[in-house]
Amino acid sequence: MSQAWTYADLAPEQLALVDEAERTLDTDIVLVYRPTTWGTVDEETLAAEGLHPVDLDPVQLECLQGMERMVGGIAVAYRRDLH
């Protein structure tokens, strides 16, 4: 069975880490995902919202990976289209 993804259910202190990552990485939004049997993340919905993954430099990527360990999920930094 292939693995699917869902949005992570985060505690308030974990949400604070995500907020900090958004400011540190200068991104519009950081979403945290966890593996699940039944996926709820729809790439078309993200695209419809104008969200596209951000290319991070090595230092930014290391910051994001450190946060992932603290929140127990996979984080993706997104930027909104400005149209």
N, C-alpha and C. Protein backbone atom coordinates (compact mmCIF):
# COMPACT_ATOMS: atom_id res chain seq x y z
N MET A 1 0.85 -1.18 0.00
CA MET A 1 0.00 0.00 0.00
C MET A 1 0.89 1.24 0.00
N SER A 2 0.56 2.20 -0.87
CA SER A 2 1.35 3.42 -0.91
C SER A 2 1.01 4.29 0.29
N GLN A 3 1.95 5.12 0.65
CA GLN A 3 1.77 5.98 1.81
C GLN A 3 1.14 7.30 1.38
N ALA A 4 0.21 7.78 2.15
CA ALA A 4 -0.45 9.05 1.89
C ALA A 4 -0.08 10.03 3.00
N TRP A 5 -0.51 11.27 2.86
CA TRP A 5 -0.15 12.31 3.82
C TRP A 5 -1.40 13.05 4.30
N THR A 6 -1.32 13.49 5.55
CA THR A 6 -2.37 14.32 6.12
C THR A 6 -1.72 15.47 6.86
N TYR A 7 -2.48 16.52 7.15
CA TYR A 7 -1.95 17.63 7.92
C TYR A 7 -1.71 17.17 9.36
N ALA A 8 -0.59 17.55 9.91
CA ALA A 8 -0.25 17.15 11.27
C ALA A 8 -1.10 17.92 12.28
N ASP A 9 -1.52 17.23 13.32
CA ASP A 9 -2.24 17.84 14.44
C ASP A 9 -1.18 18.26 15.45
N LEU A 10 -0.94 19.57 15.56
CA LEU A 10 0.17 20.06 16.38
C LEU A 10 -0.32 20.71 17.67
N ALA A 11 0.48 20.55 18.71
CA ALA A 11 0.22 21.20 20.00
C ALA A 11 0.60 22.68 19.87
N PRO A 12 0.11 23.53 20.77
CA PRO A 12 0.41 24.96 20.70
C PRO A 12 1.90 25.28 20.63
N GLU A 13 2.73 24.57 21.38
CA GLU A 13 4.17 24.85 21.35
C GLU A 13 4.78 24.45 20.00
N GLN A 14 4.22 23.43 19.36
CA GLN A 14 4.69 23.03 18.04
C GLN A 14 4.25 24.05 16.98
N LEU A 15 3.03 24.59 17.12
CA LEU A 15 2.56 25.64 16.22
C LEU A 15 3.44 26.88 16.34
N ALA A 16 3.90 27.17 17.54
CA ALA A 16 4.80 28.31 17.73
C ALA A 16 6.10 28.10 16.95
N LEU A 17 6.59 26.86 16.92
CA LEU A 17 7.80 26.56 16.14
C LEU A 17 7.56 26.76 14.64
N VAL A 18 6.38 26.39 14.17
CA VAL A 18 6.04 26.58 12.76
C VAL A 18 5.96 28.07 12.45
N ASP A 19 5.36 28.86 13.33
CA ASP A 19 5.30 30.31 13.14
C ASP A 19 6.70 30.90 13.06
N GLU A 20 7.57 30.44 13.94
CA GLU A 20 8.96 30.91 13.96
C GLU A 20 9.66 30.54 12.64
N ALA A 21 9.42 29.35 12.15
CA ALA A 21 10.02 28.92 10.88
C ALA A 21 9.54 29.81 9.73
N GLU A 22 8.26 30.15 9.71
CA GLU A 22 7.75 31.03 8.66
C GLU A 22 8.46 32.37 8.66
N ARG A 23 8.68 32.93 9.84
CA ARG A 23 9.38 34.22 9.93
C ARG A 23 10.85 34.07 9.57
N THR A 24 11.49 33.02 10.07
CA THR A 24 12.92 32.82 9.83
C THR A 24 13.21 32.56 8.36
N LEU A 25 12.36 31.78 7.72
CA LEU A 25 12.58 31.41 6.32
C LEU A 25 12.02 32.44 5.34
N ASP A 26 11.34 33.47 5.85
CA ASP A 26 10.71 34.49 5.01
C ASP A 26 9.81 33.86 3.96
N THR A 27 8.92 32.98 4.43
CA THR A 27 7.95 32.33 3.55
C THR A 27 6.56 32.78 3.95
N ASP A 28 5.60 32.48 3.10
CA ASP A 28 4.22 32.84 3.42
C ASP A 28 3.59 31.87 4.39
N ILE A 29 3.90 30.58 4.22
CA ILE A 29 3.27 29.57 5.06
C ILE A 29 4.15 28.32 5.09
N VAL A 30 4.18 27.66 6.23
CA VAL A 30 4.84 26.36 6.38
C VAL A 30 3.76 25.39 6.83
N LEU A 31 3.58 24.31 6.08
CA LEU A 31 2.62 23.27 6.44
C LEU A 31 3.38 22.04 6.90
N VAL A 32 2.83 21.36 7.91
CA VAL A 32 3.46 20.16 8.45
C VAL A 32 2.54 18.97 8.17
N TYR A 33 3.13 17.92 7.63
CA TYR A 33 2.40 16.72 7.24
C TYR A 33 2.90 15.51 8.03
N ARG A 34 2.01 14.53 8.16
CA ARG A 34 2.37 13.24 8.75
C ARG A 34 1.85 12.14 7.85
N PRO A 35 2.56 11.01 7.82
CA PRO A 35 2.07 9.89 7.00
C PRO A 35 0.78 9.31 7.58
N THR A 36 -0.05 8.80 6.71
CA THR A 36 -1.32 8.21 7.11
C THR A 36 -1.72 7.16 6.08
N THR A 37 -2.62 6.32 6.44
CA THR A 37 -3.15 5.34 5.51
C THR A 37 -4.08 6.01 4.50
N TRP A 38 -4.80 7.02 4.96
CA TRP A 38 -5.76 7.72 4.11
C TRP A 38 -5.32 9.16 3.96
N GLY A 39 -4.93 9.55 2.76
CA GLY A 39 -4.43 10.90 2.52
C GLY A 39 -5.53 11.95 2.51
N THR A 40 -5.21 13.13 3.04
CA THR A 40 -6.16 14.24 3.00
C THR A 40 -5.54 15.47 2.34
N VAL A 41 -4.29 15.40 1.92
CA VAL A 41 -3.63 16.53 1.29
C VAL A 41 -3.82 16.42 -0.22
N ASP A 42 -4.45 17.43 -0.79
CA ASP A 42 -4.74 17.45 -2.21
C ASP A 42 -3.89 18.52 -2.88
N GLU A 43 -2.97 18.10 -3.75
CA GLU A 43 -2.08 19.04 -4.42
C GLU A 43 -2.85 20.07 -5.24
N GLU A 44 -3.97 19.68 -5.80
CA GLU A 44 -4.77 20.62 -6.60
C GLU A 44 -5.34 21.74 -5.73
N THR A 45 -5.70 21.42 -4.50
CA THR A 45 -6.21 22.43 -3.58
C THR A 45 -5.11 23.43 -3.25
N LEU A 46 -3.90 22.93 -2.98
CA LEU A 46 -2.78 23.82 -2.70
C LEU A 46 -2.50 24.73 -3.88
N ALA A 47 -2.51 24.18 -5.08
CA ALA A 47 -2.27 24.99 -6.28
C ALA A 47 -3.38 26.02 -6.47
N ALA A 48 -4.62 25.64 -6.19
CA ALA A 48 -5.75 26.56 -6.33
C ALA A 48 -5.62 27.73 -5.36
N GLU A 49 -5.00 27.49 -4.22
CA GLU A 49 -4.77 28.54 -3.23
C GLU A 49 -3.56 29.39 -3.60
N GLY A 50 -2.89 29.04 -4.71
CA GLY A 50 -1.72 29.80 -5.15
C GLY A 50 -0.47 29.50 -4.35
N LEU A 51 -0.41 28.33 -3.71
CA LEU A 51 0.75 27.96 -2.91
C LEU A 51 1.70 27.08 -3.72
N HIS A 52 2.97 27.48 -3.72
CA HIS A 52 4.00 26.73 -4.42
C HIS A 52 5.20 26.55 -3.49
N PRO A 53 5.78 25.35 -3.46
CA PRO A 53 6.95 25.12 -2.59
C PRO A 53 8.07 26.11 -2.90
N VAL A 54 8.75 26.52 -1.85
CA VAL A 54 9.85 27.47 -1.94
C VAL A 54 11.17 26.70 -2.05
N ASP A 55 12.05 27.18 -2.95
CA ASP A 55 13.41 26.63 -2.99
C ASP A 55 14.18 27.25 -1.84
N LEU A 56 14.70 26.41 -0.97
CA LEU A 56 15.44 26.88 0.20
C LEU A 56 16.93 26.70 0.00
N ASP A 57 17.70 27.65 0.56
CA ASP A 57 19.15 27.47 0.53
C ASP A 57 19.52 26.47 1.62
N PRO A 58 20.75 25.97 1.64
CA PRO A 58 21.13 24.93 2.61
C PRO A 58 20.89 25.31 4.07
N VAL A 59 21.13 26.56 4.43
CA VAL A 59 20.92 26.99 5.82
C VAL A 59 19.43 26.98 6.16
N GLN A 60 18.59 27.47 5.25
CA GLN A 60 17.15 27.45 5.48
C GLN A 60 16.62 26.03 5.57
N LEU A 61 17.13 25.16 4.70
CA LEU A 61 16.71 23.76 4.72
C LEU A 61 17.07 23.10 6.04
N GLU A 62 18.25 23.40 6.55
CA GLU A 62 18.67 22.84 7.84
C GLU A 62 17.75 23.33 8.96
N CYS A 63 17.34 24.58 8.91
CA CYS A 63 16.40 25.13 9.90
C CYS A 63 15.08 24.37 9.84
N LEU A 64 14.57 24.18 8.64
CA LEU A 64 13.30 23.48 8.47
C LEU A 64 13.40 22.03 8.94
N GLN A 65 14.49 21.37 8.63
CA GLN A 65 14.68 19.98 9.06
C GLN A 65 14.78 19.88 10.58
N GLY A 66 15.41 20.85 11.22
CA GLY A 66 15.48 20.86 12.68
C GLY A 66 14.10 20.99 13.30
N MET A 67 13.25 21.85 12.69
CA MET A 67 11.88 22.01 13.18
C MET A 67 11.09 20.72 12.99
N GLU A 68 11.33 20.03 11.87
CA GLU A 68 10.62 18.77 11.61
C GLU A 68 10.84 17.77 12.74
N ARG A 69 12.06 17.69 13.22
CA ARG A 69 12.36 16.76 14.32
C ARG A 69 11.60 17.14 15.59
N MET A 70 11.41 18.44 15.80
CA MET A 70 10.73 18.89 17.02
C MET A 70 9.21 18.72 16.95
N VAL A 71 8.65 18.75 15.74
CA VAL A 71 7.19 18.63 15.63
C VAL A 71 6.76 17.23 15.17
N GLY A 72 7.72 16.40 14.80
CA GLY A 72 7.39 15.03 14.41
C GLY A 72 6.64 14.91 13.11
N GLY A 73 7.00 15.73 12.14
CA GLY A 73 6.34 15.67 10.84
C GLY A 73 7.26 16.16 9.74
N ILE A 74 6.75 16.19 8.54
CA ILE A 74 7.47 16.68 7.38
C ILE A 74 6.94 18.08 7.07
N ALA A 75 7.83 19.06 6.99
CA ALA A 75 7.42 20.44 6.77
C ALA A 75 7.78 20.87 5.35
N VAL A 76 6.88 21.64 4.76
CA VAL A 76 7.11 22.21 3.43
C VAL A 76 6.83 23.71 3.51
N ALA A 77 7.78 24.50 3.03
CA ALA A 77 7.61 25.96 2.98
C ALA A 77 6.99 26.35 1.65
N TYR A 78 5.96 27.18 1.71
CA TYR A 78 5.24 27.61 0.51
C TYR A 78 5.26 29.13 0.39
N ARG A 79 5.14 29.58 -0.84
CA ARG A 79 4.95 31.00 -1.12
C ARG A 79 3.67 31.13 -1.95
N ARG A 80 2.92 32.20 -1.71
CA ARG A 80 1.69 32.46 -2.46
C ARG A 80 2.01 33.21 -3.75
N ASP A 81 1.26 32.89 -4.80
CA ASP A 81 1.35 33.66 -6.04
C ASP A 81 0.86 35.07 -5.77
N LEU A 82 1.49 36.01 -6.41
CA LEU A 82 1.07 37.40 -6.25
C LEU A 82 0.38 37.91 -7.51
N HIS A 83 -0.73 37.28 -7.87
CA HIS A 83 -1.46 37.73 -9.07
C HIS A 83 -2.78 38.30 -8.73
